[in-house]
């Protein structure tokens, strides 16, 4: 069985941490003497520390930089579709009610 120590800094992997668990896209973003900080790339990105000698059920594969770029391109267009000005979002507007609000007692 593999350990997290088998993962390299700044590389992307598809891993399954437990038997029957989901396959997750993961990047090693920081390394210390005994631990790794992993970035889990999903709908919401999260990070977690793992000890290098902890077991990981399966390292499915390491992604090439080309594969990582293709993955990022899949979601880049979604980010560009959002135009906050068109939906009425404006940071400069002040809420007139804010000045009249009294502190809560």
Protein backbone atom coordinates (compact mmCIF):
# COMPACT_ATOMS: atom_id res chain seq x y z
CA UNK A 1 0.00 0.00 0.00
CA UNK A 2 1.27 3.49 -0.85
CA UNK A 3 1.95 6.30 1.61
CA UNK A 4 1.62 10.05 1.18
CA UNK A 5 5.43 10.16 1.02
CA UNK A 6 5.08 8.76 -2.52
CA UNK A 7 3.50 12.09 -3.62
CA UNK A 8 5.78 14.86 -4.88
CA UNK A 9 5.60 18.60 -4.23
CA UNK A 10 3.73 20.62 -6.90
CA UNK A 11 2.49 17.49 -8.65
CA UNK A 12 -1.16 16.60 -9.29
CA UNK A 13 -2.57 13.16 -8.56
CA UNK A 14 -5.81 11.24 -8.71
CA UNK A 15 -5.96 9.37 -5.42
CA UNK A 16 -8.38 7.15 -3.51
CA UNK A 17 -7.69 7.57 0.19
CA UNK A 18 -9.83 4.69 1.44
CA UNK A 19 -11.13 1.46 -0.02
CA UNK A 20 -14.40 2.28 -1.78
CA UNK A 21 -13.77 6.02 -1.41
CA UNK A 22 -14.09 8.55 -4.21
CA UNK A 23 -11.21 9.37 -6.53
CA UNK A 24 -10.03 12.91 -5.80
CA UNK A 25 -7.81 15.33 -7.71
CA UNK A 26 -5.07 16.37 -5.29
CA UNK A 27 -1.99 18.59 -5.42
CA UNK A 28 0.86 18.63 -2.92
CA UNK A 29 1.32 22.32 -2.12
CA UNK A 30 3.72 22.27 0.85
CA UNK A 31 6.14 19.78 2.35
CA UNK A 32 7.73 19.63 5.78
CA UNK A 33 10.08 17.03 7.22
CA UNK A 34 7.21 14.75 8.31
CA UNK A 35 4.05 16.05 6.62
CA UNK A 36 2.47 17.22 3.38
CA UNK A 37 -0.18 19.88 2.85
CA UNK A 38 -2.61 18.60 0.21
CA UNK A 39 -4.99 20.70 -1.85
CA UNK A 40 -8.15 18.77 -2.72
CA UNK A 41 -9.59 20.12 -5.96
CA UNK A 42 -13.35 19.66 -6.18
CA UNK A 43 -16.40 21.93 -6.32
CA UNK A 44 -14.90 23.58 -3.25
CA UNK A 45 -11.14 23.46 -2.81
CA UNK A 46 -9.97 22.34 0.63
CA UNK A 47 -6.61 21.63 2.22
CA UNK A 48 -5.50 19.05 4.76
CA UNK A 49 -2.25 18.02 6.39
CA UNK A 50 -1.22 14.38 6.03
CA UNK A 51 1.69 12.60 7.70
CA UNK A 52 4.11 11.25 5.11
CA UNK A 53 4.02 7.76 6.64
CA UNK A 54 0.18 7.53 6.63
CA UNK A 55 -1.26 5.09 4.13
CA UNK A 56 -3.25 6.11 1.07
CA UNK A 57 -5.36 3.30 -0.38
CA UNK A 58 -4.47 3.98 -4.04
CA UNK A 59 -2.55 6.49 -6.11
CA UNK A 60 -4.57 6.05 -9.29
CA UNK A 61 -2.23 8.15 -11.44
CA UNK A 62 -0.11 11.28 -11.66
CA UNK A 63 -1.42 13.88 -14.08
CA UNK A 64 0.78 15.54 -16.68
CA UNK A 65 0.89 19.32 -16.86
CA UNK A 66 -1.07 19.09 -20.12
CA UNK A 67 -3.85 17.17 -18.34
CA UNK A 68 -3.91 19.73 -15.51
CA UNK A 69 -4.18 22.57 -18.05
CA UNK A 70 -7.05 20.78 -19.82
CA UNK A 71 -8.85 20.31 -16.49
CA UNK A 72 -8.45 23.99 -15.59
CA UNK A 73 -9.71 25.02 -19.04
CA UNK A 74 -12.93 23.09 -18.43
CA UNK A 75 -13.85 25.45 -15.59
CA UNK A 76 -12.21 28.68 -16.76
CA UNK A 77 -15.11 29.50 -19.09
CA UNK A 78 -17.58 29.21 -16.19
CA UNK A 79 -15.70 31.91 -14.26
CA UNK A 80 -15.69 34.26 -17.24
CA UNK A 81 -19.47 33.98 -17.64
CA UNK A 82 -20.09 35.87 -14.41
CA UNK A 83 -20.46 39.60 -14.93
CA UNK A 84 -21.46 41.13 -11.61
CA UNK A 85 -22.20 44.52 -13.20
CA UNK A 86 -24.92 42.95 -15.33
CA UNK A 87 -26.70 41.42 -12.35
CA UNK A 88 -26.72 44.63 -10.34
CA UNK A 89 -23.79 43.95 -8.04
CA UNK A 90 -22.03 47.20 -7.19
CA UNK A 91 -19.49 47.56 -4.37
CA UNK A 92 -19.66 51.36 -4.44
CA UNK A 93 -23.32 51.65 -3.47
CA UNK A 94 -23.91 52.40 0.19
CA UNK A 95 -27.01 51.17 1.92
CA UNK A 96 -28.88 54.26 3.10
CA UNK A 97 -30.37 52.29 5.97
CA UNK A 98 -26.89 51.61 7.40
CA UNK A 99 -26.54 55.18 8.64
CA UNK A 100 -29.87 55.09 10.45
CA UNK A 101 -29.44 51.72 12.13
CA UNK A 102 -29.24 51.80 15.88
CA UNK A 103 -27.00 49.41 17.81
CA UNK A 104 -28.64 46.26 19.09
CA UNK A 105 -29.10 46.31 22.86
